[in-house]
Amino acid sequence: MFATAAIRRVATVFAVTSAIVALAAIATASCRRPPEAPAVTVESYAMRGEIVRLPAAGSREMAIRHEAIPEFRDEAGKVVGMEAMTMPFTLAQGVGVDALAPGDKIAFTLEMRWRDPREIARISRIERLPAGTLLSWEKPLDGSGTSE
């Protein structure tokens, strides 16, 4: 009888200890920080173009006629290229255009951040090219030396 009571006490202590350990594990897990969002992948393209429109007061959007980007990748990472065209671009914070004017030929860095809904495409660097710089609005040549 004494042995049976002792076994019951040991079993009870074991069950209570196991429950406390399980609750502590649950409490610790619930106190952890949520996992951080994965870093946004950035594809950068060195580009050239001509300023069509500077940003309006209070805006960071400008229009640029740019050369073709044969190595441009889509959201899935597939090389799809981009023809020369005029399109709007957003300037990254801190990128200034005070010394630039419509008609200026420029070199700039375009950053594509496909998984950043706030700013998918932005210009992270911009500078004026020397006077007389020639730009090409033609389709890029394919591997055979002819345009597609």
C-alpha atoms as a PDB file:
ATOM      1  CA  MET A   1       0.000   0.000   0.000  1.00  0.00           C
ATOM      2  CA  PHE A   2       2.860   2.332   0.870  1.00  0.00           C
ATOM      3  CA  ALA A   3       4.481   1.556  -2.479  1.00  0.00           C
ATOM      4  CA  THR A   4       1.261   2.325  -4.363  1.00  0.00           C
ATOM      5  CA  ALA A   5       0.855   5.714  -2.629  1.00  0.00           C
ATOM      6  CA  ALA A   6       4.478   6.586  -3.319  1.00  0.00           C
ATOM      7  CA  ILE A   7       4.097   5.682  -6.986  1.00  0.00           C
ATOM      8  CA  ARG A   8       0.993   7.868  -7.210  1.00  0.00           C
ATOM      9  CA  ARG A   9       2.850  10.797  -5.644  1.00  0.00           C
ATOM     10  CA  VAL A  10       5.770  10.388  -8.049  1.00  0.00           C
ATOM     11  CA  ALA A  11       3.392  10.154 -10.998  1.00  0.00           C
ATOM     12  CA  THR A  12       1.559  13.278  -9.832  1.00  0.00           C
ATOM     13  CA  VAL A  13       4.804  15.225  -9.371  1.00  0.00           C
ATOM     14  CA  PHE A  14       5.987  14.079 -12.800  1.00  0.00           C
ATOM     15  CA  ALA A  15       2.688  15.128 -14.438  1.00  0.00           C
ATOM     16  CA  VAL A  16       2.728  18.552 -12.728  1.00  0.00           C
ATOM     17  CA  THR A  17       6.387  19.110 -13.646  1.00  0.00           C
ATOM     18  CA  SER A  18       5.715  18.132 -17.266  1.00  0.00           C
ATOM     19  CA  ALA A  19       2.756  20.519 -17.426  1.00  0.00           C
ATOM     20  CA  ILE A  20       4.849  23.387 -16.008  1.00  0.00           C
ATOM     21  CA  VAL A  21       7.644  22.734 -18.522  1.00  0.00           C
ATOM     22  CA  ALA A  22       5.125  22.623 -21.395  1.00  0.00           C
ATOM     23  CA  LEU A  23       3.487  25.891 -20.290  1.00  0.00           C
ATOM     24  CA  ALA A  24       6.902  27.547 -19.957  1.00  0.00           C
ATOM     25  CA  ALA A  25       7.808  26.444 -23.497  1.00  0.00           C
ATOM     26  CA  ILE A  26       4.522  27.813 -24.860  1.00  0.00           C
ATOM     27  CA  ALA A  27       4.961  31.110 -22.994  1.00  0.00           C
ATOM     28  CA  THR A  28       8.537  31.490 -24.258  1.00  0.00           C
ATOM     29  CA  ALA A  29       7.511  30.777 -27.849  1.00  0.00           C
ATOM     30  CA  SER A  30       4.677  33.299 -27.722  1.00  0.00           C
ATOM     31  CA  CYS A  31       7.023  36.013 -26.404  1.00  0.00           C
ATOM     32  CA  ARG A  32       9.439  35.733 -29.308  1.00  0.00           C
ATOM     33  CA  ARG A  33       9.541  38.455 -31.940  1.00  0.00           C
ATOM     34  CA  PRO A  34       7.814  37.673 -35.192  1.00  0.00           C
ATOM     35  CA  PRO A  35      10.222  36.648 -37.931  1.00  0.00           C
ATOM     36  CA  GLU A  36      11.661  39.553 -39.871  1.00  0.00           C
ATOM     37  CA  ALA A  37      10.465  40.086 -43.421  1.00  0.00           C
ATOM     38  CA  PRO A  38      12.937  38.790 -45.982  1.00  0.00           C
ATOM     39  CA  ALA A  39      15.227  41.397 -47.476  1.00  0.00           C
ATOM     40  CA  VAL A  40      14.045  42.922 -50.719  1.00  0.00           C
ATOM     41  CA  THR A  41      16.108  41.788 -53.696  1.00  0.00           C
ATOM     42  CA  VAL A  42      17.419  44.703 -55.738  1.00  0.00           C
ATOM     43  CA  GLU A  43      18.276  44.499 -59.436  1.00  0.00           C
ATOM     44  CA  SER A  44      20.365  47.516 -60.514  1.00  0.00           C
ATOM     45  CA  TYR A  45      20.735  48.791 -64.069  1.00  0.00           C
ATOM     46  CA  ALA A  46      23.238  51.390 -65.282  1.00  0.00           C
ATOM     47  CA  MET A  47      21.223  53.461 -67.745  1.00  0.00           C
ATOM     48  CA  ARG A  48      21.465  56.520 -69.945  1.00  0.00           C
ATOM     49  CA  GLY A  49      18.783  58.833 -71.183  1.00  0.00           C
ATOM     50  CA  GLU A  50      17.482  62.356 -71.623  1.00  0.00           C
ATOM     51  CA  ILE A  51      15.376  64.294 -69.125  1.00  0.00           C
ATOM     52  CA  VAL A  52      11.893  65.003 -70.468  1.00  0.00           C
ATOM     53  CA  ARG A  53      10.333  66.427 -67.297  1.00  0.00           C
ATOM     54  CA  LEU A  54      11.711  67.258 -63.854  1.00  0.00           C
ATOM     55  CA  PRO A  55       9.705  66.542 -60.690  1.00  0.00           C
ATOM     56  CA  ALA A  56       6.982  69.052 -59.832  1.00  0.00           C
ATOM     57  CA  ALA A  57       7.217  70.792 -56.452  1.00  0.00           C
ATOM     58  CA  GLY A  58       6.696  68.242 -53.679  1.00  0.00           C
ATOM     59  CA  SER A  59       7.053  65.276 -56.042  1.00  0.00           C
ATOM     60  CA  ARG A  60       9.900  62.816 -56.665  1.00  0.00           C
ATOM     61  CA  GLU A  61       8.625  61.641 -60.088  1.00  0.00           C
ATOM     62  CA  MET A  62      10.359  62.700 -63.283  1.00  0.00           C
ATOM     63  CA  ALA A  63      10.124  61.583 -66.908  1.00  0.00           C
ATOM     64  CA  ILE A  64      13.131  60.246 -68.789  1.00  0.00           C
ATOM     65  CA  ARG A  65      13.561  59.001 -72.344  1.00  0.00           C
ATOM     66  CA  HIS A  66      15.967  56.106 -71.818  1.00  0.00           C
ATOM     67  CA  GLU A  67      17.998  53.782 -74.003  1.00  0.00           C
ATOM     68  CA  ALA A  68      17.073  50.109 -74.319  1.00  0.00           C
ATOM     69  CA  ILE A  69      17.944  47.738 -71.473  1.00  0.00           C
ATOM     70  CA  PRO A  70      18.618  44.356 -73.106  1.00  0.00           C
ATOM     71  CA  GLU A  71      19.454  42.677 -69.766  1.00  0.00           C
ATOM     72  CA  PHE A  72      16.279  43.848 -67.953  1.00  0.00           C
ATOM     73  CA  ARG A  73      14.689  41.088 -65.819  1.00  0.00           C
ATOM     74  CA  ASP A  74      11.023  40.725 -64.978  1.00  0.00           C
ATOM     75  CA  GLU A  75       9.643  39.964 -61.525  1.00  0.00           C
ATOM     76  CA  ALA A  76      10.348  36.239 -61.962  1.00  0.00           C
ATOM     77  CA  GLY A  77      13.991  36.962 -62.845  1.00  0.00           C
ATOM     78  CA  LYS A  78      13.628  36.119 -66.533  1.00  0.00           C
ATOM     79  CA  VAL A  79      15.600  38.333 -68.936  1.00  0.00           C
ATOM     80  CA  VAL A  80      12.937  40.052 -71.032  1.00  0.00           C
ATOM     81  CA  GLY A  81      14.713  43.266 -72.045  1.00  0.00           C
ATOM     82  CA  MET A  82      13.123  46.679 -72.304  1.00  0.00           C
ATOM     83  CA  GLU A  83      13.002  48.838 -75.415  1.00  0.00           C
ATOM     84  CA  ALA A  84      13.997  52.490 -75.439  1.00  0.00           C
ATOM     85  CA  MET A  85      11.064  54.594 -74.309  1.00  0.00           C
ATOM     86  CA  THR A  86       9.938  57.601 -72.319  1.00  0.00           C
ATOM     87  CA  MET A  87       8.578  56.763 -68.888  1.00  0.00           C
ATOM     88  CA  PRO A  88       8.191  58.144 -65.359  1.00  0.00           C
ATOM     89  CA  PHE A  89      10.754  57.305 -62.693  1.00  0.00           C
ATOM     90  CA  THR A  90      10.765  57.973 -58.952  1.00  0.00           C
ATOM     91  CA  LEU A  91      13.863  59.471 -57.343  1.00  0.00           C
ATOM     92  CA  ALA A  92      15.131  57.761 -54.187  1.00  0.00           C
ATOM     93  CA  GLN A  93      15.280  59.904 -51.050  1.00  0.00           C
ATOM     94  CA  GLY A  94      18.355  62.127 -51.159  1.00  0.00           C
ATOM     95  CA  VAL A  95      18.812  62.061 -54.946  1.00  0.00           C
ATOM     96  CA  GLY A  96      18.761  65.638 -56.179  1.00  0.00           C
ATOM     97  CA  VAL A  97      18.139  67.079 -59.619  1.00  0.00           C
ATOM     98  CA  ASP A  98      18.599  70.786 -58.839  1.00  0.00           C
ATOM     99  CA  ALA A  99      21.467  71.172 -61.320  1.00  0.00           C
ATOM    100  CA  LEU A 100      19.616  69.346 -64.113  1.00  0.00           C
ATOM    101  CA  ALA A 101      17.138  70.562 -66.734  1.00  0.00           C
ATOM    102  CA  PRO A 102      14.867  69.052 -69.382  1.00  0.00           C
ATOM    103  CA  GLY A 103      16.955  68.082 -72.406  1.00  0.00           C
ATOM    104  CA  ASP A 104      20.029  67.171 -70.304  1.00  0.00           C
ATOM    105  CA  LYS A 105      21.551  63.821 -71.179  1.00  0.00           C
ATOM    106  CA  ILE A 106      22.115  61.755 -68.067  1.00  0.00           C
ATOM    107  CA  ALA A 107      23.534  58.535 -66.681  1.00  0.00           C
ATOM    108  CA  PHE A 108      21.507  57.002 -63.864  1.00  0.00           C
ATOM    109  CA  THR A 109      21.089  53.846 -61.830  1.00  0.00           C
ATOM    110  CA  LEU A 110      17.661  52.239 -61.847  1.00  0.00           C
ATOM    111  CA  GLU A 111      16.890  49.939 -58.925  1.00  0.00           C
ATOM    112  CA  MET A 112      14.088  47.398 -59.319  1.00  0.00           C
ATOM    113  CA  ARG A 113      12.606  46.134 -56.035  1.00  0.00           C
ATOM    114  CA  TRP A 114       9.828  43.836 -57.230  1.00  0.00           C
ATOM    115  CA  ARG A 115       8.767  42.775 -53.726  1.00  0.00           C
ATOM    116  CA  ASP A 116       8.617  46.298 -52.251  1.00  0.00           C
ATOM    117  CA  PRO A 117       5.061  47.556 -52.834  1.00  0.00           C
ATOM    118  CA  ARG A 118       5.997  51.075 -51.700  1.00  0.00           C
ATOM    119  CA  GLU A 119       8.692  51.620 -54.312  1.00  0.00           C
ATOM    120  CA  ILE A 120       9.167  49.006 -57.027  1.00  0.00           C
ATOM    121  CA  ALA A 121      11.370  51.136 -59.287  1.00  0.00           C
ATOM    122  CA  ARG A 122      13.531  54.081 -58.302  1.00  0.00           C
ATOM    123  CA  ILE A 123      16.552  56.079 -59.395  1.00  0.00           C
ATOM    124  CA  SER A 124      19.330  55.825 -56.814  1.00  0.00           C
ATOM    125  CA  ARG A 125      21.962  57.882 -58.696  1.00  0.00           C
ATOM    126  CA  ILE A 126      21.828  60.461 -61.459  1.00  0.00           C
ATOM    127  CA  GLU A 127      24.450  62.631 -63.153  1.00  0.00           C
ATOM    128  CA  ARG A 128      24.676  64.798 -66.247  1.00  0.00           C
ATOM    129  CA  LEU A 129      26.611  63.395 -69.204  1.00  0.00           C
ATOM    130  CA  PRO A 130      29.057  65.570 -71.140  1.00  0.00           C
ATOM    131  CA  ALA A 131      27.664  67.809 -73.878  1.00  0.00           C
ATOM    132  CA  GLY A 132      27.652  66.018 -77.213  1.00  0.00           C
ATOM    133  CA  THR A 133      27.047  62.548 -75.737  1.00  0.00           C
ATOM    134  CA  LEU A 134      25.168  60.465 -78.287  1.00  0.00           C
ATOM    135  CA  LEU A 135      22.293  58.288 -77.120  1.00  0.00           C
ATOM    136  CA  SER A 136      20.652  55.469 -79.056  1.00  0.00           C
ATOM    137  CA  TRP A 137      16.892  54.980 -79.289  1.00  0.00           C
ATOM    138  CA  GLU A 138      17.275  51.890 -81.493  1.00  0.00           C
ATOM    139  CA  LYS A 139      16.328  48.352 -80.530  1.00  0.00           C
ATOM    140  CA  PRO A 140      19.328  46.468 -79.170  1.00  0.00           C
ATOM    141  CA  LEU A 141      21.042  43.947 -81.429  1.00  0.00           C
ATOM    142  CA  ASP A 142      20.373  40.288 -80.768  1.00  0.00           C
ATOM    143  CA  GLY A 143      23.206  37.745 -80.651  1.00  0.00           C
ATOM    144  CA  SER A 144      23.347  37.496 -84.455  1.00  0.00           C
ATOM    145  CA  GLY A 145      24.257  41.170 -84.919  1.00  0.00           C
ATOM    146  CA  THR A 146      20.844  42.183 -86.242  1.00  0.00           C
ATOM    147  CA  SER A 147      17.992  43.893 -84.467  1.00  0.00           C
ATOM    148  CA  GLU A 148      15.017  41.682 -83.754  1.00  0.00           C
END
